[in-house]
PDB file of all heavy atoms in Angstrom:
ATOM      1  N   PHE A   1     194.393 136.522  89.846  1.00  0.00           N
ATOM      2  CA  PHE A   1     195.672 135.825  89.726  1.00  0.00           C
ATOM      3  C   PHE A   1     195.685 134.600  90.627  1.00  0.00           C
ATOM      4  O   PHE A   1     195.074 134.595  91.704  1.00  0.00           O
ATOM      5  CB  PHE A   1     196.835 136.732  90.143  1.00  0.00           C
ATOM      6  CG  PHE A   1     197.110 137.880  89.212  1.00  0.00           C
ATOM      7  CD1 PHE A   1     196.264 138.204  88.171  1.00  0.00           C
ATOM      8  CD2 PHE A   1     198.257 138.646  89.403  1.00  0.00           C
ATOM      9  CE1 PHE A   1     196.527 139.268  87.323  1.00  0.00           C
ATOM     10  CE2 PHE A   1     198.535 139.713  88.566  1.00  0.00           C
ATOM     11  CZ  PHE A   1     197.677 140.028  87.527  1.00  0.00           C
ATOM     12  N   THR A   2     196.409 133.575  90.210  1.00  0.00           N
ATOM     13  CA  THR A   2     196.561 132.365  90.996  1.00  0.00           C
ATOM     14  C   THR A   2     198.016 131.925  90.981  1.00  0.00           C
ATOM     15  O   THR A   2     198.605 131.776  89.907  1.00  0.00           O
ATOM     16  CB  THR A   2     195.684 131.220  90.464  1.00  0.00           C
ATOM     17  OG1 THR A   2     194.309 131.623  90.447  1.00  0.00           O
ATOM     18  CG2 THR A   2     195.827 129.989  91.350  1.00  0.00           C
ATOM     19  N   ILE A   3     198.585 131.720  92.163  1.00  0.00           N
ATOM     20  CA  ILE A   3     199.942 131.200  92.263  1.00  0.00           C
ATOM     21  C   ILE A   3     199.870 129.703  92.533  1.00  0.00           C
ATOM     22  O   ILE A   3     199.014 129.236  93.289  1.00  0.00           O
ATOM     23  CB  ILE A   3     200.749 131.932  93.361  1.00  0.00           C
ATOM     24  CG1 ILE A   3     202.223 131.516  93.318  1.00  0.00           C
ATOM     25  CG2 ILE A   3     200.148 131.704  94.737  1.00  0.00           C
ATOM     26  CD1 ILE A   3     203.119 132.365  94.212  1.00  0.00           C
ATOM     27  N   SER A   4     200.750 128.956  91.916  1.00  0.00           N
ATOM     28  CA  SER A   4     200.806 127.518  92.112  1.00  0.00           C
ATOM     29  C   SER A   4     202.248 127.059  91.992  1.00  0.00           C
ATOM     30  O   SER A   4     203.134 127.828  91.622  1.00  0.00           O
ATOM     31  CB  SER A   4     199.905 126.782  91.112  1.00  0.00           C
ATOM     32  OG  SER A   4     200.327 127.026  89.777  1.00  0.00           O
ATOM     33  N   ARG A   5     202.477 125.804  92.309  1.00  0.00           N
ATOM     34  CA  ARG A   5     203.833 125.273  92.275  1.00  0.00           C
ATOM     35  C   ARG A   5     203.839 123.844  91.778  1.00  0.00           C
ATOM     36  O   ARG A   5     202.846 123.120  91.884  1.00  0.00           O
ATOM     37  CB  ARG A   5     204.467 125.331  93.671  1.00  0.00           C
ATOM     38  CG  ARG A   5     203.731 124.471  94.689  1.00  0.00           C
ATOM     39  CD  ARG A   5     204.364 124.518  96.042  1.00  0.00           C
ATOM     40  NE  ARG A   5     203.681 123.609  96.961  1.00  0.00           N
ATOM     41  CZ  ARG A   5     204.090 123.290  98.157  1.00  0.00           C
ATOM     42  NH1 ARG A   5     205.216 123.821  98.616  1.00  0.00           N
ATOM     43  NH2 ARG A   5     203.397 122.458  98.906  1.00  0.00           N
ATOM     44  N   ASP A   6     204.973 123.448  91.230  1.00  0.00           N
ATOM     45  CA  ASP A   6     205.227 122.078  90.835  1.00  0.00           C
ATOM     46  C   ASP A   6     206.510 121.679  91.540  1.00  0.00           C
ATOM     47  O   ASP A   6     207.606 122.011  91.087  1.00  0.00           O
ATOM     48  CB  ASP A   6     205.368 121.957  89.320  1.00  0.00           C
ATOM     49  CG  ASP A   6     205.531 120.529  88.855  1.00  0.00           C
ATOM     50  OD1 ASP A   6     205.982 119.681  89.640  1.00  0.00           O
ATOM     51  OD2 ASP A   6     205.201 120.245  87.686  1.00  0.00           O
ATOM     52  N   ASN A   7     206.367 120.988  92.667  1.00  0.00           N
ATOM     53  CA  ASN A   7     207.533 120.642  93.472  1.00  0.00           C
ATOM     54  C   ASN A   7     208.508 119.732  92.729  1.00  0.00           C
ATOM     55  O   ASN A   7     209.722 119.832  92.909  1.00  0.00           O
ATOM     56  CB  ASN A   7     207.091 119.965  94.771  1.00  0.00           C
ATOM     57  CG  ASN A   7     206.428 120.923  95.734  1.00  0.00           C
ATOM     58  OD1 ASN A   7     206.684 122.124  95.717  1.00  0.00           O
ATOM     59  ND2 ASN A   7     205.574 120.393  96.600  1.00  0.00           N
ATOM     60  N   ALA A   8     207.976 118.830  91.914  1.00  0.00           N
ATOM     61  CA  ALA A   8     208.832 117.902  91.194  1.00  0.00           C
ATOM     62  C   ALA A   8     209.775 118.628  90.243  1.00  0.00           C
ATOM     63  O   ALA A   8     210.897 118.175  90.009  1.00  0.00           O
ATOM     64  CB  ALA A   8     207.990 116.883  90.433  1.00  0.00           C
ATOM     65  N   GLU A   9     209.332 119.748  89.692  1.00  0.00           N
ATOM     66  CA  GLU A   9     210.148 120.507  88.748  1.00  0.00           C
ATOM     67  C   GLU A   9     210.710 121.785  89.347  1.00  0.00           C
ATOM     68  O   GLU A   9     211.345 122.570  88.636  1.00  0.00           O
ATOM     69  CB  GLU A   9     209.334 120.829  87.498  1.00  0.00           C
ATOM     70  CG  GLU A   9     208.890 119.597  86.733  1.00  0.00           C
ATOM     71  CD  GLU A   9     208.184 119.933  85.444  1.00  0.00           C
ATOM     72  OE1 GLU A   9     207.977 121.129  85.156  1.00  0.00           O
ATOM     73  OE2 GLU A   9     207.839 118.987  84.702  1.00  0.00           O
ATOM     74  N   ASN A  10     210.476 122.021  90.641  1.00  0.00           N
ATOM     75  CA  ASN A  10     210.964 123.222  91.322  1.00  0.00           C
ATOM     76  C   ASN A  10     210.569 124.483  90.573  1.00  0.00           C
ATOM     77  O   ASN A  10     211.395 125.376  90.351  1.00  0.00           O
ATOM     78  CB  ASN A  10     212.479 123.148  91.513  1.00  0.00           C
ATOM     79  CG  ASN A  10     212.898 122.022  92.419  1.00  0.00           C
ATOM     80  OD1 ASN A  10     212.329 121.845  93.503  1.00  0.00           O
ATOM     81  ND2 ASN A  10     213.892 121.251  92.005  1.00  0.00           N
ATOM     82  N   THR A  11     209.314 124.546  90.212  1.00  0.00           N
ATOM     83  CA  THR A  11     208.802 125.648  89.423  1.00  0.00           C
ATOM     84  C   THR A  11     207.559 126.238  90.076  1.00  0.00           C
ATOM     85  O   THR A  11     206.705 125.500  90.573  1.00  0.00           O
ATOM     86  CB  THR A  11     208.474 125.191  87.995  1.00  0.00           C
ATOM     87  OG1 THR A  11     209.653 124.649  87.386  1.00  0.00           O
ATOM     88  CG2 THR A  11     207.974 126.356  87.150  1.00  0.00           C
ATOM     89  N   VAL A  12     207.468 127.551  90.061  1.00  0.00           N
ATOM     90  CA  VAL A  12     206.302 128.270  90.555  1.00  0.00           C
ATOM     91  C   VAL A  12     205.681 129.020  89.388  1.00  0.00           C
ATOM     92  O   VAL A  12     206.391 129.549  88.525  1.00  0.00           O
ATOM     93  CB  VAL A  12     206.686 129.230  91.690  1.00  0.00           C
ATOM     94  CG1 VAL A  12     205.499 130.096  92.093  1.00  0.00           C
ATOM     95  CG2 VAL A  12     207.177 128.443  92.893  1.00  0.00           C
ATOM     96  N   TYR A  13     204.362 129.073  89.380  1.00  0.00           N
ATOM     97  CA  TYR A  13     203.633 129.711  88.297  1.00  0.00           C
ATOM     98  C   TYR A  13     202.761 130.840  88.827  1.00  0.00           C
ATOM     99  O   TYR A  13     202.366 130.864  89.988  1.00  0.00           O
ATOM    100  CB  TYR A  13     202.738 128.694  87.584  1.00  0.00           C
ATOM    101  CG  TYR A  13     203.471 127.493  87.062  1.00  0.00           C
ATOM    102  CD1 TYR A  13     203.559 126.330  87.812  1.00  0.00           C
ATOM    103  CD2 TYR A  13     204.081 127.520  85.810  1.00  0.00           C
ATOM    104  CE1 TYR A  13     204.237 125.220  87.338  1.00  0.00           C
ATOM    105  CE2 TYR A  13     204.762 126.418  85.324  1.00  0.00           C
ATOM    106  CZ  TYR A  13     204.829 125.270  86.093  1.00  0.00           C
ATOM    107  OH  TYR A  13     205.504 124.174  85.605  1.00  0.00           O
ATOM    108  N   LEU A  14     202.456 131.758  87.947  1.00  0.00           N
ATOM    109  CA  LEU A  14     201.481 132.797  88.237  1.00  0.00           C
ATOM    110  C   LEU A  14     200.539 132.891  87.051  1.00  0.00           C
ATOM    111  O   LEU A  14     200.922 133.382  85.985  1.00  0.00           O
ATOM    112  CB  LEU A  14     202.155 134.150  88.491  1.00  0.00           C
ATOM    113  CG  LEU A  14     201.208 135.273  88.897  1.00  0.00           C
ATOM    114  CD1 LEU A  14     200.636 135.005  90.294  1.00  0.00           C
ATOM    115  CD2 LEU A  14     201.919 136.626  88.872  1.00  0.00           C
ATOM    116  N   GLN A  15     199.321 132.399  87.244  1.00  0.00           N
ATOM    117  CA  GLN A  15     198.290 132.508  86.225  1.00  0.00           C
ATOM    118  C   GLN A  15     197.592 133.841  86.400  1.00  0.00           C
ATOM    119  O   GLN A  15     197.033 134.118  87.463  1.00  0.00           O
ATOM    120  CB  GLN A  15     197.289 131.363  86.342  1.00  0.00           C
ATOM    121  CG  GLN A  15     196.132 131.435  85.351  1.00  0.00           C
ATOM    122  CD  GLN A  15     196.581 131.242  83.922  1.00  0.00           C
ATOM    123  OE1 GLN A  15     197.273 130.282  83.608  1.00  0.00           O
ATOM    124  NE2 GLN A  15     196.190 132.164  83.047  1.00  0.00           N
ATOM    125  N   MET A  16     197.607 134.661  85.373  1.00  0.00           N
ATOM    126  CA  MET A  16     197.035 135.998  85.426  1.00  0.00           C
ATOM    127  C   MET A  16     195.879 136.078  84.442  1.00  0.00           C
ATOM    128  O   MET A  16     196.073 135.916  83.237  1.00  0.00           O
ATOM    129  CB  MET A  16     198.088 137.055  85.105  1.00  0.00           C
ATOM    130  CG  MET A  16     199.328 136.972  85.987  1.00  0.00           C
ATOM    131  SD  MET A  16     200.499 138.325  85.687  1.00  0.00           S
ATOM    132  CE  MET A  16     201.001 137.933  84.017  1.00  0.00           C
ATOM    133  N   ASN A  17     194.693 136.335  84.962  1.00  0.00           N
ATOM    134  CA  ASN A  17     193.492 136.453  84.151  1.00  0.00           C
ATOM    135  C   ASN A  17     192.896 137.845  84.299  1.00  0.00           C
ATOM    136  O   ASN A  17     193.205 138.572  85.231  1.00  0.00           O
ATOM    137  CB  ASN A  17     192.456 135.404  84.568  1.00  0.00           C
ATOM    138  CG  ASN A  17     192.935 133.985  84.395  1.00  0.00           C
ATOM    139  OD1 ASN A  17     193.636 133.667  83.431  1.00  0.00           O
ATOM    140  ND2 ASN A  17     192.538 133.112  85.315  1.00  0.00           N
ATOM    141  N   SER A  18     192.014 138.184  83.375  1.00  0.00           N
ATOM    142  CA  SER A  18     191.323 139.482  83.404  1.00  0.00           C
ATOM    143  C   SER A  18     192.308 140.628  83.572  1.00  0.00           C
ATOM    144  O   SER A  18     192.127 141.521  84.402  1.00  0.00           O
ATOM    145  CB  SER A  18     190.272 139.496  84.519  1.00  0.00           C
ATOM    146  OG  SER A  18     189.326 138.465  84.342  1.00  0.00           O
ATOM    147  N   LEU A  19     193.345 140.614  82.778  1.00  0.00           N
ATOM    148  CA  LEU A  19     194.415 141.594  82.927  1.00  0.00           C
ATOM    149  C   LEU A  19     193.948 143.004  82.600  1.00  0.00           C
ATOM    150  O   LEU A  19     193.115 143.209  81.715  1.00  0.00           O
ATOM    151  CB  LEU A  19     195.594 141.208  82.055  1.00  0.00           C
ATOM    152  CG  LEU A  19     196.432 140.050  82.605  1.00  0.00           C
ATOM    153  CD1 LEU A  19     197.297 139.441  81.525  1.00  0.00           C
ATOM    154  CD2 LEU A  19     197.291 140.532  83.774  1.00  0.00           C
ATOM    155  N   LYS A  20     194.507 143.946  83.336  1.00  0.00           N
ATOM    156  CA  LYS A  20     194.200 145.358  83.193  1.00  0.00           C
ATOM    157  C   LYS A  20     195.473 146.120  82.851  1.00  0.00           C
ATOM    158  O   LYS A  20     196.567 145.663  83.170  1.00  0.00           O
ATOM    159  CB  LYS A  20     193.620 145.926  84.495  1.00  0.00           C
ATOM    160  CG  LYS A  20     192.457 145.153  85.075  1.00  0.00           C
ATOM    161  CD  LYS A  20     192.097 145.697  86.449  1.00  0.00           C
ATOM    162  CE  LYS A  20     190.969 144.922  87.079  1.00  0.00           C
ATOM    163  NZ  LYS A  20     190.645 145.435  88.439  1.00  0.00           N
ATOM    164  N   PRO A  21     195.354 147.294  82.230  1.00  0.00           N
ATOM    165  CA  PRO A  21     196.553 148.082  81.951  1.00  0.00           C
ATOM    166  C   PRO A  21     197.390 148.362  83.196  1.00  0.00           C
ATOM    167  O   PRO A  21     198.627 148.423  83.099  1.00  0.00           O
ATOM    168  CB  PRO A  21     195.990 149.380  81.357  1.00  0.00           C
ATOM    169  CG  PRO A  21     194.721 148.953  80.707  1.00  0.00           C
ATOM    170  CD  PRO A  21     194.155 147.894  81.626  1.00  0.00           C
ATOM    171  N   GLU A  22     196.752 148.514  84.351  1.00  0.00           N
ATOM    172  CA  GLU A  22     197.496 148.779  85.573  1.00  0.00           C
ATOM    173  C   GLU A  22     198.299 147.581  86.062  1.00  0.00           C
ATOM    174  O   GLU A  22     199.075 147.701  87.008  1.00  0.00           O
ATOM    175  CB  GLU A  22     196.562 149.280  86.684  1.00  0.00           C
ATOM    176  CG  GLU A  22     195.324 148.441  86.870  1.00  0.00           C
ATOM    177  CD  GLU A  22     194.120 149.012  86.145  1.00  0.00           C
ATOM    178  OE1 GLU A  22     194.248 149.382  84.957  1.00  0.00           O
ATOM    179  OE2 GLU A  22     193.039 149.100  86.774  1.00  0.00           O
ATOM    180  N   ASP A  23     198.111 146.418  85.444  1.00  0.00           N
ATOM    181  CA  ASP A  23     198.943 145.264  85.747  1.00  0.00           C
ATOM    182  C   ASP A  23     200.288 145.324  85.031  1.00  0.00           C
ATOM    183  O   ASP A  23     201.157 144.481  85.292  1.00  0.00           O
ATOM    184  CB  ASP A  23     198.238 143.967  85.365  1.00  0.00           C
ATOM    185  CG  ASP A  23     196.995 143.701  86.197  1.00  0.00           C
ATOM    186  OD1 ASP A  23     197.037 143.924  87.423  1.00  0.00           O
ATOM    187  OD2 ASP A  23     195.981 143.254  85.618  1.00  0.00           O
ATOM    188  N   THR A  24     200.457 146.276  84.129  1.00  0.00           N
ATOM    189  CA  THR A  24     201.708 146.416  83.403  1.00  0.00           C
ATOM    190  C   THR A  24     202.853 146.680  84.372  1.00  0.00           C
ATOM    191  O   THR A  24     202.806 147.625  85.165  1.00  0.00           O
ATOM    192  CB  THR A  24     201.610 147.549  82.381  1.00  0.00           C
ATOM    193  OG1 THR A  24     200.633 147.212  81.387  1.00  0.00           O
ATOM    194  CG2 THR A  24     202.949 147.781  81.697  1.00  0.00           C
ATOM    195  N   ALA A  25     203.873 145.845  84.316  1.00  0.00           N
ATOM    196  CA  ALA A  25     204.999 145.950  85.234  1.00  0.00           C
ATOM    197  C   ALA A  25     206.030 144.899  84.865  1.00  0.00           C
ATOM    198  O   ALA A  25     205.774 144.017  84.042  1.00  0.00           O
ATOM    199  CB  ALA A  25     204.548 145.744  86.682  1.00  0.00           C
ATOM    200  N   VAL A  26     207.187 145.002  85.491  1.00  0.00           N
ATOM    201  CA  VAL A  26     208.145 143.914  85.467  1.00  0.00           C
ATOM    202  C   VAL A  26     207.824 143.009  86.644  1.00  0.00           C
ATOM    203  O   VAL A  26     207.729 143.475  87.783  1.00  0.00           O
ATOM    204  CB  VAL A  26     209.594 144.415  85.558  1.00  0.00           C
ATOM    205  CG1 VAL A  26     210.567 143.241  85.599  1.00  0.00           C
ATOM    206  CG2 VAL A  26     209.918 145.315  84.371  1.00  0.00           C
ATOM    207  N   TYR A  27     207.654 141.743  86.368  1.00  0.00           N
ATOM    208  CA  TYR A  27     207.302 140.772  87.393  1.00  0.00           C
ATOM    209  C   TYR A  27     208.544 139.988  87.795  1.00  0.00           C
ATOM    210  O   TYR A  27     209.256 139.450  86.941  1.00  0.00           O
ATOM    211  CB  TYR A  27     206.212 139.830  86.887  1.00  0.00           C
ATOM    212  CG  TYR A  27     204.850 140.476  86.870  1.00  0.00           C
ATOM    213  CD1 TYR A  27     204.548 141.475  85.942  1.00  0.00           C
ATOM    214  CD2 TYR A  27     203.870 140.109  87.794  1.00  0.00           C
ATOM    215  CE1 TYR A  27     203.309 142.091  85.941  1.00  0.00           C
ATOM    216  CE2 TYR A  27     202.632 140.714  87.791  1.00  0.00           C
ATOM    217  CZ  TYR A  27     202.348 141.707  86.868  1.00  0.00           C
ATOM    218  OH  TYR A  27     201.111 142.307  86.870  1.00  0.00           O
ATOM    219  N   TYR A  28     208.791 139.917  89.106  1.00  0.00           N
ATOM    220  CA  TYR A  28     209.968 139.270  89.650  1.00  0.00           C
ATOM    221  C   TYR A  28     209.591 138.074  90.505  1.00  0.00           C
ATOM    222  O   TYR A  28     208.673 138.151  91.322  1.00  0.00           O
ATOM    223  CB  TYR A  28     210.766 140.244  90.523  1.00  0.00           C
ATOM    224  CG  TYR A  28     211.315 141.445  89.792  1.00  0.00           C
ATOM    225  CD1 TYR A  28     210.594 142.629  89.725  1.00  0.00           C
ATOM    226  CD2 TYR A  28     212.560 141.394  89.186  1.00  0.00           C
ATOM    227  CE1 TYR A  28     211.096 143.734  89.066  1.00  0.00           C
ATOM    228  CE2 TYR A  28     213.064 142.490  88.522  1.00  0.00           C
ATOM    229  CZ  TYR A  28     212.338 143.656  88.467  1.00  0.00           C
ATOM    230  OH  TYR A  28     212.843 144.752  87.815  1.00  0.00           O
ATOM    231  N   CYS A  29     210.322 137.006  90.345  1.00  0.00           N
ATOM    232  CA  CYS A  29     210.184 135.835  91.187  1.00  0.00           C
ATOM    233  C   CYS A  29     211.122 135.972  92.381  1.00  0.00           C
ATOM    234  O   CYS A  29     212.249 136.458  92.243  1.00  0.00           O
ATOM    235  CB  CYS A  29     210.519 134.576  90.390  1.00  0.00           C
ATOM    236  SG  CYS A  29     210.296 133.023  91.286  1.00  0.00           S
ATOM    237  N   ASN A  30     210.653 135.556  93.537  1.00  0.00           N
ATOM    238  CA  ASN A  30     211.402 135.662  94.778  1.00  0.00           C
ATOM    239  C   ASN A  30     211.338 134.347  95.533  1.00  0.00           C
ATOM    240  O   ASN A  30     210.277 133.725  95.615  1.00  0.00           O
ATOM    241  CB  ASN A  30     210.819 136.799  95.636  1.00  0.00           C
ATOM    242  CG  ASN A  30     211.258 136.748  97.080  1.00  0.00           C
ATOM    243  OD1 ASN A  30     210.545 136.226  97.939  1.00  0.00           O
ATOM    244  ND2 ASN A  30     212.434 137.298  97.352  1.00  0.00           N
ATOM    245  N   SER A  31     212.469 133.916  96.083  1.00  0.00           N
ATOM    246  CA  SER A  31     212.504 132.763  96.974  1.00  0.00           C
ATOM    247  C   SER A  31     213.047 133.194  98.324  1.00  0.00           C
ATOM    248  O   SER A  31     213.993 133.986  98.397  1.00  0.00           O
ATOM    249  CB  SER A  31     213.333 131.617  96.391  1.00  0.00           C
ATOM    250  OG  SER A  31     214.687 131.985  96.199  1.00  0.00           O
ATOM    251  N   ARG A  32     212.440 132.675  99.379  1.00  0.00           N
ATOM    252  CA  ARG A  32     212.786 133.065 100.739  1.00  0.00           C
ATOM    253  C   ARG A  32     213.468 131.910 101.456  1.00  0.00           C
ATOM    254  O   ARG A  32     212.990 130.781 101.417  1.00  0.00           O
ATOM    255  CB  ARG A  32     211.531 133.506 101.491  1.00  0.00           C
ATOM    256  CG  ARG A  32     210.824 134.679 100.815  1.00  0.00           C
ATOM    257  CD  ARG A  32     209.500 134.992 101.460  1.00  0.00           C
ATOM    258  NE  ARG A  32     208.816 136.064 100.755  1.00  0.00           N
ATOM    259  CZ  ARG A  32     207.608 136.512 101.046  1.00  0.00           C
ATOM    260  NH1 ARG A  32     206.931 135.967 102.060  1.00  0.00           N
ATOM    261  NH2 ARG A  32     207.070 137.490 100.333  1.00  0.00           N
ATOM    262  N   HIS A  33     214.585 132.229 102.130  1.00  0.00           N
ATOM    263  CA  HIS A  33     215.406 131.240 102.804  1.00  0.00           C
ATOM    264  C   HIS A  33     215.833 131.775 104.165  1.00  0.00           C
ATOM    265  O   HIS A  33     215.719 132.969 104.444  1.00  0.00           O
ATOM    266  CB  HIS A  33     216.664 130.926 101.988  1.00  0.00           C
ATOM    267  CG  HIS A  33     216.411 130.725 100.536  1.00  0.00           C
ATOM    268  ND1 HIS A  33     216.396 129.472  99.961  1.00  0.00           N
ATOM    269  CD2 HIS A  33     216.174 131.616  99.542  1.00  0.00           C
ATOM    270  CE1 HIS A  33     216.163 129.613  98.666  1.00  0.00           C
ATOM    271  NE2 HIS A  33     216.025 130.897  98.390  1.00  0.00           N
ATOM    272  N   LEU A  34     216.358 130.880 104.993  1.00  0.00           N
ATOM    273  CA  LEU A  34     216.908 131.308 106.269  1.00  0.00           C
ATOM    274  C   LEU A  34     218.078 132.269 106.068  1.00  0.00           C
ATOM    275  O   LEU A  34     218.301 133.162 106.888  1.00  0.00           O
ATOM    276  CB  LEU A  34     217.348 130.105 107.099  1.00  0.00           C
ATOM    277  CG  LEU A  34     216.238 129.217 107.654  1.00  0.00           C
ATOM    278  CD1 LEU A  34     216.841 127.992 108.328  1.00  0.00           C
ATOM    279  CD2 LEU A  34     215.379 129.987 108.637  1.00  0.00           C
ATOM    280  N   PHE A  35     218.822 132.084 104.989  1.00  0.00           N
ATOM    281  CA  PHE A  35     220.001 132.911 104.745  1.00  0.00           C
ATOM    282  C   PHE A  35     219.689 134.188 103.980  1.00  0.00           C
ATOM    283  O   PHE A  35     220.579 135.002 103.750  1.00  0.00           O
ATOM    284  CB  PHE A  35     221.077 132.106 104.004  1.00  0.00           C
ATOM    285  CG  PHE A  35     220.624 131.466 102.725  1.00  0.00           C
ATOM    286  CD1 PHE A  35     220.515 132.190 101.556  1.00  0.00           C
ATOM    287  CD2 PHE A  35     220.325 130.109 102.695  1.00  0.00           C
ATOM    288  CE1 PHE A  35     220.108 131.605 100.378  1.00  0.00           C
ATOM    289  CE2 PHE A  35     219.916 129.498 101.520  1.00  0.00           C
ATOM    290  CZ  PHE A  35     219.807 130.251 100.360  1.00  0.00           C
ATOM    291  N   GLY A  36     218.458 134.366 103.559  1.00  0.00           N
ATOM    292  CA  GLY A  36     218.079 135.552 102.814  1.00  0.00           C
ATOM    293  C   GLY A  36     217.212 135.232 101.620  1.00  0.00           C
ATOM    294  O   GLY A  36     216.769 134.096 101.441  1.00  0.00           O
TER     295      GLY A  36
END
């Protein structure tokens, strides 16, 4: 997997390769701030 970002568009990506059945899940995006 590779995480990347596009600051101009305020977007983060997760490129997932060689996927396995154990990768099955709900994937959540998270942002971290001083306020939480």
